[in-house]
Amino acid sequence: MKIDILTLFPEMFDGVLNSSILKKAQEKGAVEYRVTDFRDFAENKHRKVDDYPYGGGAGMVLTPQPLFDAVDAMKEGTEHQPRVVMMCPQGERLSQRKLEELSEEEHLIFLCGHYEGYDERIREHLVTDEISIGDYVLTGGELASMVVIDGVTRLLPEVLGNVESAKLDSHSSGYLEHPHYTRPAEFRGMKVPEILLSGDHAKIEDWRRMESLKRTYERRPDLIKESSLTEEEKRYLESLKENNG
């Protein structure tokens, strides 16, 4: 996968893209990152990328020319039509399903805006996806794009050491992930559940499935679709409801 990032602050990505899983993904050849300062595409002599809004009002608005030209440059020599992702508080709320969808693409271009917003022609004629990471406003799109890039990159084949890790993550299965334990079996009087020490993989899998359902019911009941539950899971869910009044 190729990931292009258009930003006015490319230095913000140095540590993120060169650390941890994102760095390993690049070293493995699973992804290629390219960070570009779209100010370099401004045609005016002062490299200005924003202007006052027509009709008046507070703040400055990103002008279309630098971003249109920057995206055109990113598309040169590419075989696949890229998805152009605008990080924007007005966009679609980010979900694991969206990350999975984007991870299937060959080329992603992220637009990281600043100031009051974008000229609407950017939104209407350049962008394919608008994504928000939550109902709040950040200084710019850089931090939000890092969240999406991390979420997408870890889903790429061979990026994670264990291919099952991404599949079992919270929200990948639809429910929150079950509890995890490691050595020692007892720490300060706190013991690991006996079932996990039994060696009975079928029973362990059942325990994890029910614990996942329990955690989801306790923390995110809105995620539970009872129609998709097995009869055993429905009975367990009913017992949870009874025990919680």
Protein backbone atom coordinates (compact mmCIF):
# COMPACT_ATOMS: atom_id res chain seq x y z
CA MET A 1 0.00 0.00 0.00
CA LYS A 2 1.08 3.57 -0.69
CA ILE A 3 0.06 6.26 1.80
CA ASP A 4 0.49 9.93 0.91
CA ILE A 5 0.04 12.59 3.58
CA LEU A 6 -0.52 16.21 2.60
CA THR A 7 0.17 18.54 5.50
CA LEU A 8 1.58 21.95 6.41
CA PHE A 9 3.55 20.37 9.26
CA PRO A 10 5.42 17.32 7.89
CA GLU A 11 7.75 17.22 10.89
CA MET A 12 4.84 16.06 13.06
CA PHE A 13 4.97 12.65 11.37
CA ASP A 14 8.69 11.94 11.85
CA GLY A 15 8.41 10.09 15.15
CA VAL A 16 5.10 8.37 14.42
CA LEU A 17 5.98 6.85 11.06
CA ASN A 18 9.45 5.84 12.21
CA SER A 19 8.42 3.98 15.34
CA SER A 20 6.83 0.70 16.37
CA ILE A 21 4.47 -1.12 13.98
CA LEU A 22 4.37 1.69 11.43
CA LYS A 23 8.14 1.55 11.02
CA LYS A 24 8.15 -2.26 10.83
CA ALA A 25 5.42 -2.21 8.19
CA GLN A 26 7.55 0.02 6.01
CA GLU A 27 10.66 -2.09 6.55
CA LYS A 28 8.70 -5.18 5.51
CA GLY A 29 7.57 -3.46 2.32
CA ALA A 30 3.91 -3.64 3.29
CA VAL A 31 3.48 0.12 3.06
CA GLU A 32 5.25 3.16 1.65
CA TYR A 33 4.71 6.51 3.37
CA ARG A 34 5.24 9.83 1.67
CA VAL A 35 4.77 13.06 3.62
CA THR A 36 4.43 16.23 1.55
CA ASP A 37 4.13 19.87 2.53
CA PHE A 38 1.35 21.05 0.23
CA ARG A 39 2.56 24.63 0.70
CA ASP A 40 5.18 23.68 -1.90
CA PHE A 41 2.39 23.60 -4.49
CA ALA A 42 1.18 27.16 -3.86
CA GLU A 43 1.57 29.25 -6.99
CA ASN A 44 1.85 32.65 -5.29
CA LYS A 45 5.29 33.99 -4.37
CA HIS A 46 4.58 33.95 -0.63
CA ARG A 47 3.51 30.26 -0.70
CA LYS A 48 0.16 31.23 0.81
CA VAL A 49 -2.37 28.40 1.08
CA ASP A 50 -5.28 30.17 2.82
CA ASP A 51 -7.42 33.25 2.31
CA TYR A 52 -10.32 35.17 3.83
CA PRO A 53 -13.76 33.58 3.38
CA TYR A 54 -16.15 35.09 0.86
CA GLY A 55 -19.07 36.70 2.66
CA GLY A 56 -16.97 37.53 5.70
CA GLY A 57 -16.58 35.69 8.95
CA ALA A 58 -13.87 34.59 11.34
CA GLY A 59 -10.81 32.58 10.41
CA MET A 60 -9.06 31.65 7.20
CA VAL A 61 -9.99 29.02 4.62
CA LEU A 62 -7.68 26.68 2.71
CA THR A 63 -7.66 27.59 -0.97
CA PRO A 64 -8.27 24.86 -3.58
CA GLN A 65 -5.29 25.32 -5.89
CA PRO A 66 -2.44 23.92 -3.72
CA LEU A 67 -4.39 20.84 -2.65
CA PHE A 68 -5.75 20.04 -6.11
CA ASP A 69 -2.26 20.32 -7.61
CA ALA A 70 -0.71 18.32 -4.77
CA VAL A 71 -3.20 15.48 -5.21
CA ASP A 72 -2.63 15.51 -8.97
CA ALA A 73 1.09 15.12 -8.30
CA MET A 74 0.50 12.24 -5.89
CA LYS A 75 -1.57 10.45 -8.53
CA GLU A 76 1.13 10.62 -11.21
CA GLY A 77 2.39 7.20 -12.23
CA THR A 78 -0.17 5.32 -10.13
CA GLU A 79 -2.13 2.44 -11.63
CA HIS A 80 -4.96 2.56 -9.11
CA GLN A 81 -7.31 5.44 -8.43
CA PRO A 82 -6.51 6.51 -4.85
CA ARG A 83 -8.97 7.22 -2.06
CA VAL A 84 -8.56 10.84 -0.97
CA VAL A 85 -9.33 11.09 2.74
CA MET A 86 -10.17 14.41 4.37
CA MET A 87 -9.77 14.50 8.14
CA CYS A 88 -12.71 16.59 9.26
CA PRO A 89 -14.98 16.83 12.35
CA GLN A 90 -17.97 16.82 9.98
CA GLY A 91 -16.99 13.47 8.51
CA GLU A 92 -18.08 9.88 9.02
CA ARG A 93 -17.26 8.61 12.51
CA LEU A 94 -14.23 6.33 12.35
CA SER A 95 -14.97 2.65 12.95
CA GLN A 96 -13.10 -0.62 12.70
CA ARG A 97 -15.19 -1.46 9.66
CA LYS A 98 -13.97 1.73 7.96
CA LEU A 99 -10.36 0.85 8.75
CA GLU A 100 -10.86 -2.62 7.27
CA GLU A 101 -12.38 -1.07 4.15
CA LEU A 102 -9.47 1.34 3.69
CA SER A 103 -6.91 -1.40 4.30
CA GLU A 104 -8.07 -3.08 1.07
CA GLU A 105 -6.98 -0.08 -1.03
CA GLU A 106 -3.73 0.23 -2.97
CA HIS A 107 -3.26 3.96 -2.44
CA LEU A 108 -4.56 6.41 0.18
CA ILE A 109 -4.05 10.18 0.21
CA PHE A 110 -4.72 12.01 3.47
CA LEU A 111 -5.54 15.72 3.56
CA CYS A 112 -4.63 17.37 6.86
CA GLY A 113 -6.31 20.74 7.06
CA HIS A 114 -5.79 23.74 9.29
CA TYR A 115 -7.42 27.11 9.87
CA GLU A 116 -11.20 27.53 9.69
CA GLY A 117 -11.72 24.84 7.08
CA TYR A 118 -11.51 23.88 3.43
CA ASP A 119 -12.85 25.63 0.37
CA GLU A 120 -16.00 23.62 -0.36
CA ARG A 121 -14.78 22.73 -3.86
CA ILE A 122 -12.08 20.57 -2.26
CA ARG A 123 -14.76 18.63 -0.40
CA GLU A 124 -17.06 18.30 -3.40
CA HIS A 125 -14.64 17.55 -6.22
CA LEU A 126 -11.41 16.17 -4.74
CA VAL A 127 -12.25 14.13 -1.66
CA THR A 128 -13.66 10.58 -1.68
CA ASP A 129 -13.94 10.10 2.10
CA GLU A 130 -14.45 12.47 5.05
CA ILE A 131 -13.50 10.95 8.40
CA SER A 132 -13.85 12.19 11.96
CA ILE A 133 -12.21 10.46 14.93
CA GLY A 134 -14.73 11.94 17.37
CA ASP A 135 -17.09 14.74 18.23
CA TYR A 136 -14.45 17.32 19.08
CA VAL A 137 -12.18 19.74 17.24
CA LEU A 138 -8.38 19.54 16.99
CA THR A 139 -5.93 22.17 15.79
CA GLY A 140 -5.47 20.33 12.52
CA GLY A 141 -5.91 17.02 10.75
CA GLU A 142 -2.46 15.64 11.50
CA LEU A 143 -3.19 13.83 14.77
CA ALA A 144 -6.46 12.45 13.40
CA SER A 145 -4.76 11.12 10.27
CA MET A 146 -2.12 9.39 12.41
CA VAL A 147 -4.90 7.49 14.18
CA VAL A 148 -6.39 6.31 10.87
CA ILE A 149 -2.99 5.43 9.36
CA ASP A 150 -2.05 3.38 12.41
CA GLY A 151 -5.40 1.57 12.35
CA VAL A 152 -5.12 0.81 8.63
CA THR A 153 -1.46 -0.20 8.59
CA ARG A 154 -1.75 -2.81 11.33
CA LEU A 155 -4.42 -4.58 9.26
CA LEU A 156 -2.15 -5.07 6.27
CA PRO A 157 -0.96 -8.65 5.62
CA GLU A 158 2.21 -9.70 7.47
CA VAL A 159 2.43 -6.46 9.47
CA LEU A 160 1.51 -7.92 12.88
CA GLY A 161 3.61 -10.78 14.19
CA ASN A 162 0.48 -12.87 14.81
CA VAL A 163 -2.01 -12.75 11.95
CA GLU A 164 -4.84 -13.54 14.38
CA SER A 165 -4.15 -10.45 16.51
CA ALA A 166 -6.05 -8.00 14.33
CA LYS A 167 -8.97 -10.39 13.91
CA LEU A 168 -9.40 -10.74 17.68
CA ASP A 169 -9.10 -7.05 18.53
CA SER A 170 -11.96 -5.24 20.18
CA HIS A 171 -14.47 -4.13 17.52
CA SER A 172 -13.02 -6.41 14.82
CA SER A 173 -15.31 -9.23 15.92
CA GLY A 174 -18.13 -6.84 16.70
CA TYR A 175 -17.65 -7.17 20.47
CA LEU A 176 -15.03 -6.03 22.94
CA GLU A 177 -12.06 -8.31 23.46
CA HIS A 178 -11.91 -10.78 26.33
CA PRO A 179 -9.50 -10.33 29.30
CA HIS A 180 -5.85 -11.40 28.94
CA TYR A 181 -3.48 -12.90 31.51
CA THR A 182 0.19 -13.90 31.52
CA ARG A 183 2.79 -15.19 34.00
CA PRO A 184 2.92 -15.42 36.95
CA ALA A 185 -0.20 -17.47 37.64
CA GLU A 186 -0.53 -15.71 40.99
CA PHE A 187 0.57 -12.15 41.78
CA ARG A 188 -0.01 -10.50 45.17
CA GLY A 189 -2.79 -12.93 45.85
CA MET A 190 -4.50 -12.29 42.50
CA LYS A 191 -4.88 -15.51 40.52
CA VAL A 192 -5.31 -16.24 36.84
CA PRO A 193 -8.66 -17.99 36.11
CA GLU A 194 -8.17 -21.74 36.43
CA ILE A 195 -9.71 -22.43 33.02
CA LEU A 196 -6.78 -20.68 31.31
CA LEU A 197 -4.33 -23.07 33.01
CA SER A 198 -6.31 -26.19 32.11
CA GLY A 199 -4.90 -26.79 28.65
CA ASP A 200 -8.42 -27.49 27.38
CA HIS A 201 -8.47 -25.25 24.31
CA ALA A 202 -12.16 -25.76 23.54
CA LYS A 203 -13.19 -24.72 27.04
CA ILE A 204 -10.76 -21.79 26.95
CA GLU A 205 -12.28 -20.61 23.68
CA ASP A 206 -15.78 -20.84 25.18
CA TRP A 207 -14.66 -18.90 28.25
CA ARG A 208 -13.13 -16.15 26.10
CA ARG A 209 -16.26 -15.91 23.98
CA MET A 210 -18.48 -15.47 27.03
CA GLU A 211 -16.09 -13.03 28.67
CA SER A 212 -16.11 -10.99 25.47
CA LEU A 213 -19.91 -10.91 25.54
CA LYS A 214 -19.88 -9.99 29.24
CA ARG A 215 -17.43 -7.14 28.77
CA THR A 216 -19.38 -5.81 25.83
CA TYR A 217 -22.64 -5.95 27.79
CA GLU A 218 -21.06 -4.10 30.72
CA ARG A 219 -19.23 -1.44 28.72
CA ARG A 220 -20.81 -1.15 25.27
CA PRO A 221 -24.25 -2.81 25.26
CA ASP A 222 -25.10 -0.86 22.11
CA LEU A 223 -22.78 -3.17 20.17
CA ILE A 224 -24.72 -6.31 20.99
CA LYS A 225 -27.03 -7.61 18.28
CA GLU A 226 -29.03 -10.32 20.00
CA SER A 227 -30.27 -11.75 16.72
CA SER A 228 -26.71 -12.84 15.89
CA LEU A 229 -26.12 -14.63 19.21
CA THR A 230 -26.14 -18.38 19.64
CA GLU A 231 -28.72 -19.88 22.00
CA GLU A 232 -25.99 -20.40 24.59
CA GLU A 233 -24.92 -16.78 24.31
CA LYS A 234 -28.52 -15.58 24.61
CA ARG A 235 -28.95 -17.56 27.83
CA TYR A 236 -25.72 -16.15 29.21
CA LEU A 237 -26.77 -12.62 28.28
CA GLU A 238 -30.09 -13.10 30.05
CA SER A 239 -28.26 -14.25 33.19
CA LEU A 240 -26.11 -11.11 33.03
CA LYS A 241 -29.20 -8.93 32.80
CA GLU A 242 -30.84 -10.73 35.72
CA ASN A 243 -27.76 -10.37 37.89
CA ASN A 244 -27.59 -6.67 37.11
CA GLY A 245 -31.21 -6.06 38.03
